[in-house]
Amino acid sequence: MLSKLANSSGRSVDEERNEIAHSTDAAAVDMETEFIARACAEHGIPLLSLRVITDTPHEPFPAPPKVLFDIERQRTHLVKLARFLLAHPNHIPRLIEFARRIARARKILATALVALINKL
């Protein structure tokens, strides 16, 4: 499915994503690739970006990003997530659906990578 994809410029993630999505009618807002592309361009490094979308303005993360993923440890901090879910049990169904979206996204990206490599 082809849809509009807008780029972000670094303000507050949730606010900016929603503002960009509403002002551009984009299906998703890419919050990371622009920075990577800019750094690659500055150093003359070619870039091909394959992205899968796991959260959109209409289907946001089921918990704050810092709760879902610890960037430094590169994994979910389970105690933080458990505390959040105990305090917000209504987010549990959203978390389950998010996990399903992640699994689908992983499969789609893997398939795309294999197809790309096979064409090289």
Foldseek 3Di string as FASTA:
>chain_A
DDWAEAEFDDDDVLVRQVVCCVVVVTFAYDDPVVVVVVVCVVVVHDDDDDDDDLAHNVLHQLDPPVQQADVVVGGHPVVSVVVVCVVPVVSVVSNVVSVVSVVVRVVVVVVVVVVVVVVD
